[in-house]
Amino acid sequence: MKKIFLISLLTACILLTGQSQAGNFGVGVHGGYGVIKYEEETSAFGTDIESESTMNTMLFGISGEYSFKNLHNLFAAIVTDWTVGLDDRETWEFNDVKVQSNDINMSGQFYDARFGYKNGSETYYYRVHVSGGWDGLRFKRKDYIWRGVPITVNSTEDISLWRVGAGTGAGYKLGSWALDGRIAYSFHVKGRVENSALSDVTFKTKGTCLDGGVGAARQITDNTGFYAGISYSLFRLDESDVEQSAGIAVMYPASTTQLVVGVFNLTHSF
């Protein structure tokens, strides 16, 4: 994780991004605040097991884009996001009966490398891209209560996901302002789940991700732009095969993660 973080950070400082069209080279910083909703479910053991939690979250990141000088409609880009969730309670139900609750905290790292085509006119612009990347999710759980009885157990769950996908974006210009939208879809082609409470087992999973956003952009100067809007991400991961840990059958259940964030983005091109 640390190695990927450092490589992405260095690359994003070299490659550049932004709505600004003045140069081939630009950089962007963004941040926001919103909500993460996380759910798990399985019936693999003959019982319907479901969990649900909702956490407030902060998001921040950097991005970069380079437009090729001789083929200025082609671009390469890096987009990075980090999320930090605030503590909340997670509840578990077996056959619609609440049996457990616990504190939960989630953090995430998201890295996306893109290559694509962009074009436009005085009134509109658009772009399409293919992408590949890595997502890392970490869940920390503590203060368990099982059927009313406190249990002093802490656990950390790390989810590592590799993905490939494609996306598009478009905008309509209104003077120095623009209405802007984007959408992307990707496949998590390889995933690994590790839990500190089950250290002898590694679960495998796959899934999909839908990501989009809408907002308004404003050109402040020829080289600097600002964007504010709403971002939505949906992750769905498949349940793993059943494994054995100390003679007990265990698995990673199917999960759904939804992230809704109000975001701002400041960009500058050179």
Protein backbone atom coordinates (compact mmCIF):
# COMPACT_ATOMS: atom_id res chain seq x y z
CA MET A 1 0.00 0.00 0.00
CA LYS A 2 2.73 2.44 0.97
CA LYS A 3 4.69 1.71 -2.21
CA ILE A 4 1.64 2.33 -4.41
CA PHE A 5 0.89 5.51 -2.50
CA LEU A 6 4.39 6.92 -3.04
CA ILE A 7 4.46 6.00 -6.74
CA SER A 8 1.05 7.56 -7.32
CA LEU A 9 1.95 10.70 -5.41
CA LEU A 10 5.14 11.17 -7.41
CA THR A 11 3.39 10.50 -10.72
CA ALA A 12 0.59 12.92 -9.92
CA CYS A 13 3.12 15.65 -9.22
CA ILE A 14 4.61 15.05 -12.69
CA LEU A 15 1.45 14.45 -14.70
CA LEU A 16 -1.26 17.12 -14.53
CA THR A 17 -4.95 17.72 -14.64
CA GLY A 18 -7.80 20.21 -14.76
CA GLN A 19 -10.49 21.70 -16.94
CA SER A 20 -8.03 24.46 -17.92
CA GLN A 21 -7.05 24.28 -21.56
CA ALA A 22 -4.22 26.81 -21.59
CA GLY A 23 -1.37 24.28 -21.38
CA ASN A 24 -0.41 20.65 -21.81
CA PHE A 25 0.44 20.23 -18.16
CA GLY A 26 -1.78 20.74 -15.11
CA VAL A 27 -2.39 19.75 -11.51
CA GLY A 28 -5.48 19.51 -9.30
CA VAL A 29 -6.35 19.16 -5.62
CA HIS A 30 -9.78 18.17 -4.34
CA GLY A 31 -11.65 17.46 -1.13
CA GLY A 32 -15.10 16.90 0.25
CA TYR A 33 -17.41 15.59 2.96
CA GLY A 34 -20.17 13.03 2.78
CA VAL A 35 -21.52 9.64 3.82
CA ILE A 36 -20.45 6.00 3.41
CA LYS A 37 -23.05 3.24 3.69
CA TYR A 38 -21.64 -0.29 4.05
CA GLU A 39 -23.62 -3.55 3.96
CA GLU A 40 -22.79 -7.27 4.04
CA GLU A 41 -25.05 -10.26 3.41
CA THR A 42 -24.86 -14.02 2.98
CA SER A 43 -26.99 -17.15 3.38
CA ALA A 44 -24.16 -19.62 2.75
CA PHE A 45 -24.53 -21.22 6.20
CA GLY A 46 -28.31 -21.66 6.01
CA THR A 47 -29.04 -18.44 7.91
CA ASP A 48 -29.71 -15.02 6.38
CA ILE A 49 -26.94 -12.84 7.82
CA GLU A 50 -26.98 -9.09 7.15
CA SER A 51 -25.00 -6.14 8.49
CA GLU A 52 -25.41 -2.40 7.97
CA SER A 53 -23.53 0.74 8.96
CA THR A 54 -23.48 4.41 7.93
CA MET A 55 -20.44 6.61 8.51
CA ASN A 56 -19.75 10.27 7.86
CA THR A 57 -16.55 10.60 5.83
CA MET A 58 -13.97 13.11 4.65
CA LEU A 59 -12.40 12.84 1.19
CA PHE A 60 -9.28 14.45 -0.24
CA GLY A 61 -6.92 13.79 -3.14
CA ILE A 62 -4.71 15.02 -5.95
CA SER A 63 -4.89 14.44 -9.69
CA GLY A 64 -2.80 15.05 -12.75
CA GLU A 65 -3.10 15.10 -16.52
CA TYR A 66 -0.72 15.44 -19.46
CA SER A 67 -1.92 16.28 -22.98
CA PHE A 68 0.50 15.09 -25.65
CA LYS A 69 2.00 18.00 -27.57
CA ASN A 70 1.83 16.49 -31.07
CA LEU A 71 -1.47 14.69 -30.39
CA HIS A 72 -3.11 17.21 -28.08
CA ASN A 73 -6.48 15.39 -28.09
CA LEU A 74 -4.87 12.41 -26.35
CA PHE A 75 -4.15 12.52 -22.63
CA ALA A 76 -2.75 10.47 -19.76
CA ALA A 77 -3.91 11.07 -16.22
CA ILE A 78 -3.69 9.96 -12.61
CA VAL A 79 -6.51 10.44 -10.07
CA THR A 80 -6.03 9.61 -6.38
CA ASP A 81 -8.57 9.69 -3.53
CA TRP A 82 -8.29 9.03 0.19
CA THR A 83 -11.29 8.71 2.50
CA VAL A 84 -11.43 8.74 6.28
CA GLY A 85 -14.67 7.57 7.90
CA LEU A 86 -15.84 8.69 11.34
CA ASP A 87 -16.74 6.03 13.93
CA ASP A 88 -20.26 4.63 13.87
CA ARG A 89 -22.15 1.53 15.00
CA GLU A 90 -22.59 -1.52 12.78
CA THR A 91 -25.58 -3.82 13.40
CA TRP A 92 -25.93 -7.50 12.48
CA GLU A 93 -29.13 -9.45 11.95
CA PHE A 94 -29.62 -13.22 11.72
CA ASN A 95 -32.94 -14.05 10.00
CA ASP A 96 -34.10 -10.45 10.62
CA VAL A 97 -33.28 -10.61 14.35
CA LYS A 98 -30.64 -8.22 15.71
CA VAL A 99 -27.93 -10.25 17.45
CA GLN A 100 -24.79 -8.09 17.37
CA SER A 101 -23.51 -4.53 17.19
CA ASN A 102 -20.02 -3.06 17.16
CA ASP A 103 -18.11 0.15 16.52
CA ILE A 104 -16.82 0.43 12.93
CA ASN A 105 -14.39 2.75 11.20
CA MET A 106 -13.52 2.71 7.50
CA SER A 107 -10.67 4.27 5.52
CA GLY A 108 -9.96 3.96 1.81
CA GLN A 109 -7.28 4.56 -0.83
CA PHE A 110 -8.21 4.76 -4.51
CA TYR A 111 -5.74 5.10 -7.41
CA ASP A 112 -6.74 5.39 -11.07
CA ALA A 113 -4.47 5.64 -14.16
CA ARG A 114 -6.23 6.80 -17.33
CA PHE A 115 -5.54 7.13 -21.05
CA GLY A 116 -8.07 8.78 -23.32
CA TYR A 117 -9.29 11.23 -25.93
CA LYS A 118 -10.79 14.68 -25.41
CA ASN A 119 -12.24 17.33 -27.69
CA GLY A 120 -14.64 20.25 -27.68
CA SER A 121 -15.66 23.66 -28.99
CA GLU A 122 -16.52 27.07 -27.57
CA THR A 123 -19.79 25.74 -26.14
CA TYR A 124 -19.10 22.14 -25.09
CA TYR A 125 -16.38 19.60 -24.35
CA TYR A 126 -16.21 15.84 -23.88
CA ARG A 127 -13.76 13.04 -23.12
CA VAL A 128 -13.56 9.24 -23.04
CA HIS A 129 -10.97 7.05 -21.36
CA VAL A 130 -9.89 3.56 -20.41
CA SER A 131 -8.44 3.02 -16.96
CA GLY A 132 -6.76 0.67 -14.54
CA GLY A 133 -6.19 1.01 -10.85
CA TRP A 134 -6.09 -0.25 -7.30
CA ASP A 135 -8.51 0.27 -4.41
CA GLY A 136 -7.71 -0.42 -0.78
CA LEU A 137 -10.35 -0.52 1.99
CA ARG A 138 -9.70 -0.95 5.71
CA PHE A 139 -12.36 -1.67 8.32
CA LYS A 140 -11.63 -1.53 12.04
CA ARG A 141 -14.17 -3.03 14.44
CA LYS A 142 -14.26 -2.99 18.24
CA ASP A 143 -16.60 -2.92 21.27
CA TYR A 144 -18.68 -5.91 20.17
CA ILE A 145 -21.97 -6.66 21.88
CA TRP A 146 -23.31 -10.18 21.18
CA ARG A 147 -26.91 -10.73 22.31
CA GLY A 148 -26.48 -8.04 24.96
CA VAL A 149 -23.11 -9.33 26.23
CA PRO A 150 -19.97 -7.16 25.66
CA ILE A 151 -17.04 -8.94 23.98
CA THR A 152 -13.53 -7.47 24.20
CA VAL A 153 -12.38 -8.31 20.67
CA ASN A 154 -10.86 -5.97 18.08
CA SER A 155 -10.42 -6.80 14.39
CA THR A 156 -8.96 -5.14 11.30
CA GLU A 157 -10.09 -6.15 7.82
CA ASP A 158 -8.04 -5.15 4.75
CA ILE A 159 -9.52 -5.41 1.25
CA SER A 160 -7.20 -5.09 -1.77
CA LEU A 161 -8.81 -4.73 -5.21
CA TRP A 162 -7.36 -4.43 -8.74
CA ARG A 163 -9.65 -3.06 -11.43
CA VAL A 164 -9.96 -2.12 -15.12
CA GLY A 165 -12.67 0.01 -16.70
CA ALA A 166 -13.75 2.89 -18.91
CA GLY A 167 -15.48 6.21 -18.49
CA THR A 168 -16.69 9.40 -20.12
CA GLY A 169 -17.38 12.99 -19.22
CA ALA A 170 -18.93 16.06 -20.84
CA GLY A 171 -19.64 19.69 -20.15
CA TYR A 172 -21.66 22.60 -21.55
CA LYS A 173 -20.10 26.06 -21.31
CA LEU A 174 -22.03 29.14 -20.22
CA GLY A 175 -19.50 31.93 -20.44
CA SER A 176 -16.91 31.43 -17.73
CA TRP A 177 -19.11 28.70 -16.18
CA ALA A 178 -19.79 25.14 -17.33
CA LEU A 179 -22.22 22.38 -16.39
CA ASP A 180 -20.14 19.22 -15.97
CA GLY A 181 -20.93 15.50 -15.65
CA ARG A 182 -19.03 12.21 -15.68
CA ILE A 183 -19.61 8.47 -15.33
CA ALA A 184 -17.31 5.43 -15.24
CA TYR A 185 -17.70 1.67 -14.82
CA SER A 186 -15.03 -0.81 -13.85
CA PHE A 187 -14.51 -4.46 -12.91
CA HIS A 188 -12.58 -5.56 -9.85
CA VAL A 189 -10.85 -8.44 -11.59
CA LYS A 190 -8.87 -9.56 -8.54
CA GLY A 191 -9.52 -9.01 -4.86
CA ARG A 192 -8.04 -10.20 -1.58
CA VAL A 193 -9.54 -9.90 1.90
CA GLU A 194 -7.52 -10.38 5.10
CA ASN A 195 -8.89 -10.19 8.64
CA SER A 196 -6.73 -9.98 11.76
CA ALA A 197 -9.19 -12.25 13.61
CA LEU A 198 -8.69 -14.94 10.93
CA SER A 199 -4.97 -14.58 10.29
CA ASP A 200 -4.61 -18.07 8.76
CA VAL A 201 -7.10 -17.39 5.94
CA THR A 202 -7.06 -15.12 2.89
CA PHE A 203 -10.37 -14.69 1.05
CA LYS A 204 -10.67 -14.04 -2.69
CA THR A 205 -13.36 -11.85 -4.23
CA LYS A 206 -14.32 -9.98 -7.41
CA GLY A 207 -16.79 -7.22 -8.13
CA THR A 208 -17.81 -4.07 -9.96
CA CYS A 209 -17.71 -0.32 -9.40
CA LEU A 210 -19.94 2.47 -10.72
CA ASP A 211 -18.69 6.03 -10.27
CA GLY A 212 -20.20 9.33 -11.37
CA GLY A 213 -20.65 12.98 -10.58
CA VAL A 214 -22.35 16.22 -11.60
CA GLY A 215 -21.52 19.81 -10.82
CA ALA A 216 -20.55 23.27 -12.00
CA ALA A 217 -17.10 24.44 -13.12
CA ARG A 218 -15.82 27.99 -13.38
CA GLN A 219 -12.79 29.30 -15.23
CA ILE A 220 -11.13 31.80 -12.87
CA THR A 221 -8.17 32.68 -15.12
CA ASP A 222 -6.80 31.26 -18.38
CA ASN A 223 -4.86 28.72 -16.33
CA THR A 224 -6.95 28.18 -13.19
CA GLY A 225 -10.37 26.58 -12.72
CA PHE A 226 -12.71 25.62 -9.89
CA TYR A 227 -15.33 22.85 -9.69
CA ALA A 228 -17.99 22.02 -7.09
CA GLY A 229 -20.48 19.16 -7.24
CA ILE A 230 -21.73 15.81 -5.99
CA SER A 231 -19.86 12.51 -6.40
CA TYR A 232 -21.36 9.01 -6.08
CA SER A 233 -19.54 5.66 -6.00
CA LEU A 234 -21.01 2.15 -5.71
CA PHE A 235 -18.86 -0.92 -5.00
CA ARG A 236 -20.31 -4.45 -5.12
CA LEU A 237 -18.09 -7.38 -4.12
CA ASP A 238 -18.93 -11.07 -4.45
CA GLU A 239 -18.87 -13.43 -1.49
CA SER A 240 -15.82 -15.67 -1.26
CA ASP A 241 -15.60 -19.43 -1.12
CA VAL A 242 -16.04 -21.02 2.31
CA GLU A 243 -12.67 -21.55 4.03
CA GLN A 244 -11.58 -23.33 7.21
CA SER A 245 -10.00 -21.43 10.12
CA ALA A 246 -9.09 -23.49 13.21
CA GLY A 247 -11.67 -26.07 12.11
CA ILE A 248 -14.46 -23.47 11.71
CA ALA A 249 -16.12 -22.64 8.38
CA VAL A 250 -15.67 -18.94 7.53
CA MET A 251 -16.10 -16.70 4.50
CA TYR A 252 -16.20 -13.11 3.28
CA PRO A 253 -19.87 -12.25 2.55
CA ALA A 254 -21.13 -10.26 -0.43
CA SER A 255 -20.82 -6.54 0.29
CA THR A 256 -22.08 -3.20 -1.01
CA THR A 257 -20.33 0.12 -0.36
CA GLN A 258 -21.97 3.42 -1.33
CA LEU A 259 -20.12 6.72 -1.10
CA VAL A 260 -21.91 10.07 -1.57
CA VAL A 261 -19.73 13.16 -1.21
CA GLY A 262 -19.99 16.88 -1.89
CA VAL A 263 -16.67 17.76 -3.54
CA PHE A 264 -14.65 20.76 -4.67
CA ASN A 265 -11.70 20.72 -7.07
CA LEU A 266 -9.13 23.44 -7.79
CA THR A 267 -7.03 23.00 -10.95
CA HIS A 268 -4.13 24.81 -12.59
CA SER A 269 -2.47 24.24 -15.97
CA PHE A 270 0.95 25.30 -17.23
